[in-house]
Amino acid sequence: MDSLVKDLLREAGRTYAAEAGIALKNQPAPLFQLLTMANLLSARIGAGVAIAATRELLAAGGTTPRKMLGLGWQERVDALGRGHYVRYDESTATRLGKMSELVLGEYGGDLRELPRRVGHDPGRTRAALQEFPGIGPTGADIFCREAQAVWSWLRPYLDDQTIEGARRLGLPEDVKRLVDLVPERDLAQFAAALVRVARDRKLADALRG
């Protein structure tokens, strides 16, 4: 099992934030960028496309809520199009604008205020995230899975997708047993790897050998 976990982390343990070019830290800009990525990943569209669209939005300058609003609706649509996020580009551009307005208006542009307001409670954090336009249960799970890398109080955050990945690999499906397989600092990478396995049967088969 130790060998399987090492192979899993080596082959699929890059976080989605890292793949999107987000240098995740407990700072306002990268936390907003993570929220943007979670928003895009929430749609019924391939993860690769959502990640590419996130990179395009960041490259266009939408790295903070104020800068995202500064891009304007059409520039957001164009950036999403360059990432081939075309089925949902116009509605998503609108949602990103409303999301940015809420981050500014409700949190002063700083999502570090969110955990303080909810008492560092994972369940209440998940509920608060779903107040943002475009963020439902799936998006909240994505944000929390990745944010546990910098918000240690979220650990361990392993949702149904990660448990499905564990099941495919024959790893424990009990959260307490599963988290014992990796150091706490690696939980975000571990969660990302398990999600990839849950979404990619060929990857699961290759890892099982």
Protein backbone atom coordinates (compact mmCIF):
# COMPACT_ATOMS: atom_id res chain seq x y z
CA MET A 1 0.00 0.00 0.00
CA ASP A 2 2.88 2.41 0.77
CA SER A 3 4.26 1.82 -2.72
CA LEU A 4 0.84 2.47 -4.29
CA VAL A 5 0.43 5.75 -2.41
CA LYS A 6 3.90 6.89 -3.45
CA ASP A 7 3.12 6.05 -7.07
CA LEU A 8 -0.20 7.86 -6.79
CA LEU A 9 1.38 11.04 -5.46
CA ARG A 10 4.16 10.91 -8.06
CA GLU A 11 1.82 10.38 -11.00
CA ALA A 12 -1.20 12.46 -10.03
CA GLY A 13 -0.39 14.45 -6.89
CA ARG A 14 -0.14 17.91 -8.41
CA THR A 15 -2.87 20.12 -6.99
CA TYR A 16 -5.35 21.66 -9.40
CA ALA A 17 -4.27 25.10 -8.16
CA ALA A 18 -0.67 24.38 -9.11
CA GLU A 19 -1.81 23.13 -12.52
CA ALA A 20 -3.69 26.39 -13.02
CA GLY A 21 -0.60 28.42 -12.19
CA ILE A 22 -1.84 29.56 -8.78
CA ALA A 23 0.92 29.91 -6.20
CA LEU A 24 -1.42 29.16 -3.34
CA LYS A 25 -0.77 31.05 -0.12
CA ASN A 26 -2.93 32.33 2.70
CA GLN A 27 -3.14 35.71 1.00
CA PRO A 28 -6.07 37.59 -0.62
CA ALA A 29 -5.02 37.30 -4.29
CA PRO A 30 -4.26 33.54 -4.46
CA LEU A 31 -7.34 32.68 -2.38
CA PHE A 32 -9.48 34.65 -4.83
CA GLN A 33 -7.77 32.87 -7.71
CA LEU A 34 -8.61 29.54 -6.08
CA LEU A 35 -12.26 30.62 -5.80
CA THR A 36 -12.22 31.52 -9.49
CA MET A 37 -10.82 28.10 -10.38
CA ALA A 38 -13.42 26.35 -8.21
CA ASN A 39 -16.13 28.33 -10.00
CA LEU A 40 -14.92 27.21 -13.42
CA LEU A 41 -14.46 23.60 -12.34
CA SER A 42 -18.05 23.53 -11.07
CA ALA A 43 -19.55 23.50 -14.56
CA ARG A 44 -20.23 20.35 -16.55
CA ILE A 45 -17.03 20.72 -18.51
CA GLY A 46 -13.71 18.90 -18.56
CA ALA A 47 -11.26 19.72 -15.80
CA GLY A 48 -8.52 20.39 -18.35
CA VAL A 49 -10.64 23.03 -20.07
CA ALA A 50 -11.56 24.66 -16.75
CA ILE A 51 -7.90 24.79 -15.73
CA ALA A 52 -6.89 26.26 -19.10
CA ALA A 53 -9.63 28.90 -18.78
CA THR A 54 -8.43 29.78 -15.28
CA ARG A 55 -4.91 30.29 -16.60
CA GLU A 56 -6.24 32.56 -19.35
CA LEU A 57 -8.22 34.69 -16.90
CA LEU A 58 -5.18 35.09 -14.67
CA ALA A 59 -2.96 35.91 -17.65
CA ALA A 60 -5.48 38.55 -18.71
CA GLY A 61 -5.09 40.17 -15.31
CA GLY A 62 -8.08 38.83 -13.37
CA THR A 63 -5.99 37.98 -10.31
CA THR A 64 -8.01 39.88 -7.69
CA PRO A 65 -11.72 40.69 -7.43
CA ARG A 66 -11.10 44.33 -8.33
CA LYS A 67 -8.95 43.40 -11.32
CA MET A 68 -11.49 40.78 -12.43
CA LEU A 69 -14.15 43.48 -12.50
CA GLY A 70 -11.69 45.79 -14.24
CA LEU A 71 -11.39 43.34 -17.12
CA GLY A 72 -15.00 43.93 -18.04
CA TRP A 73 -17.51 41.34 -19.22
CA GLN A 74 -16.26 41.02 -22.80
CA GLU A 75 -12.65 40.60 -21.78
CA ARG A 76 -13.70 37.82 -19.41
CA VAL A 77 -15.65 36.16 -22.23
CA ASP A 78 -12.63 36.43 -24.52
CA ALA A 79 -10.29 34.91 -21.92
CA LEU A 80 -12.69 32.02 -21.33
CA GLY A 81 -12.89 31.50 -25.08
CA ARG A 82 -9.12 31.29 -25.37
CA GLY A 83 -9.28 28.52 -22.78
CA HIS A 84 -11.99 26.80 -24.93
CA TYR A 85 -14.53 27.32 -22.15
CA VAL A 86 -17.06 28.14 -24.83
CA ARG A 87 -20.29 26.44 -23.77
CA TYR A 88 -20.55 28.55 -20.64
CA ASP A 89 -18.42 31.57 -21.48
CA GLU A 90 -21.06 34.32 -21.37
CA SER A 91 -22.93 33.10 -18.30
CA THR A 92 -19.66 32.37 -16.49
CA ALA A 93 -18.30 35.83 -17.30
CA THR A 94 -21.40 37.27 -15.66
CA ARG A 95 -21.08 34.99 -12.62
CA LEU A 96 -17.42 35.88 -12.17
CA GLY A 97 -18.36 39.54 -12.10
CA LYS A 98 -21.04 38.96 -9.48
CA MET A 99 -18.69 36.73 -7.48
CA SER A 100 -16.03 39.43 -7.51
CA GLU A 101 -18.51 42.05 -6.36
CA LEU A 102 -19.53 39.82 -3.45
CA VAL A 103 -15.92 39.16 -2.42
CA LEU A 104 -15.33 42.92 -2.38
CA GLY A 105 -18.59 43.90 -0.76
CA GLU A 106 -18.89 41.15 1.83
CA TYR A 107 -15.24 40.41 2.63
CA GLY A 108 -13.42 43.59 1.64
CA GLY A 109 -11.64 41.63 -1.09
CA ASP A 110 -9.98 39.31 1.44
CA LEU A 111 -11.26 35.74 1.76
CA ARG A 112 -9.21 35.27 4.93
CA GLU A 113 -12.15 36.97 6.59
CA LEU A 114 -14.41 34.02 5.72
CA PRO A 115 -12.95 31.46 8.16
CA ARG A 116 -12.91 34.06 10.92
CA ARG A 117 -16.61 34.66 10.41
CA VAL A 118 -17.52 30.98 10.49
CA GLY A 119 -15.31 30.14 13.43
CA HIS A 120 -12.93 27.99 11.38
CA ASP A 121 -15.68 25.41 11.01
CA PRO A 122 -15.40 23.32 7.81
CA GLY A 123 -19.14 22.78 7.48
CA ARG A 124 -19.98 26.44 7.88
CA THR A 125 -17.13 27.33 5.51
CA ARG A 126 -18.61 25.05 2.88
CA ALA A 127 -22.01 26.69 3.34
CA ALA A 128 -20.54 30.21 3.16
CA LEU A 129 -18.72 29.40 -0.07
CA GLN A 130 -22.01 28.40 -1.67
CA GLU A 131 -23.27 31.95 -1.27
CA PHE A 132 -20.99 32.95 -4.14
CA PRO A 133 -22.64 32.85 -7.59
CA GLY A 134 -21.52 29.72 -9.44
CA ILE A 135 -20.28 27.89 -6.35
CA GLY A 136 -22.46 24.95 -5.36
CA PRO A 137 -21.61 21.87 -3.30
CA THR A 138 -19.11 20.67 -5.91
CA GLY A 139 -17.33 24.01 -6.09
CA ALA A 140 -17.21 24.30 -2.30
CA ASP A 141 -15.62 20.86 -2.09
CA ILE A 142 -13.04 21.80 -4.74
CA PHE A 143 -12.11 24.97 -2.88
CA CYS A 144 -11.82 23.23 0.49
CA ARG A 145 -9.83 20.27 -0.88
CA GLU A 146 -7.25 22.66 -2.28
CA ALA A 147 -7.38 25.28 0.49
CA GLN A 148 -6.44 22.72 3.12
CA ALA A 149 -2.88 23.17 1.84
CA VAL A 150 -2.82 26.63 3.48
CA TRP A 151 -5.75 26.44 5.89
CA SER A 152 -4.57 23.70 8.23
CA TRP A 153 -7.80 23.81 10.25
CA LEU A 154 -9.62 22.34 7.22
CA ARG A 155 -7.56 19.15 7.37
CA PRO A 156 -8.43 16.50 6.61
CA TYR A 157 -10.84 17.49 3.84
CA LEU A 158 -11.66 14.37 1.87
CA ASP A 159 -15.02 14.41 0.12
CA ASP A 160 -17.01 11.81 -1.84
CA GLN A 161 -14.83 12.21 -4.94
CA THR A 162 -11.67 11.40 -3.00
CA ILE A 163 -13.31 8.39 -1.37
CA GLU A 164 -14.36 7.14 -4.81
CA GLY A 165 -10.75 7.42 -5.95
CA ALA A 166 -9.61 5.47 -2.91
CA ARG A 167 -12.19 2.77 -3.65
CA ARG A 168 -10.94 2.38 -7.22
CA LEU A 169 -7.41 1.82 -5.95
CA GLY A 170 -8.39 -0.55 -3.17
CA LEU A 171 -7.31 1.95 -0.51
CA PRO A 172 -9.25 2.37 2.74
CA GLU A 173 -12.55 4.18 2.30
CA ASP A 174 -12.63 5.22 5.95
CA VAL A 175 -11.35 8.80 6.24
CA LYS A 176 -9.38 8.18 9.44
CA ARG A 177 -7.53 5.23 7.90
CA LEU A 178 -7.04 7.03 4.60
CA VAL A 179 -5.41 10.14 6.09
CA ASP A 180 -2.93 7.98 7.97
CA LEU A 181 -1.38 7.00 4.63
CA VAL A 182 0.26 10.39 4.01
CA PRO A 183 1.83 13.19 6.07
CA GLU A 184 -0.67 15.90 6.94
CA ARG A 185 1.21 18.42 4.76
CA ASP A 186 0.51 16.24 1.69
CA LEU A 187 -3.26 15.98 2.13
CA ALA A 188 -4.12 18.53 -0.59
CA GLN A 189 -1.93 16.68 -3.10
CA PHE A 190 -3.32 13.35 -1.95
CA ALA A 191 -6.89 14.60 -2.36
CA ALA A 192 -6.17 15.95 -5.85
CA ALA A 193 -4.59 12.65 -6.87
CA LEU A 194 -7.57 10.64 -5.61
CA VAL A 195 -9.97 12.91 -7.50
CA ARG A 196 -8.02 12.34 -10.71
CA VAL A 197 -8.26 8.59 -10.16
CA ALA A 198 -12.00 8.90 -9.55
CA ARG A 199 -12.37 10.65 -12.90
CA ASP A 200 -9.93 8.54 -14.91
CA ARG A 201 -10.38 4.77 -14.89
CA LYS A 202 -7.28 4.26 -17.05
CA LEU A 203 -5.17 6.05 -14.47
CA ALA A 204 -6.61 3.86 -11.74
CA ASP A 205 -5.88 0.72 -13.73
CA ALA A 206 -2.32 1.85 -14.47
CA LEU A 207 -1.62 2.57 -10.80
CA ARG A 208 -3.02 -0.77 -9.68
CA GLY A 209 -0.77 -2.44 -12.25
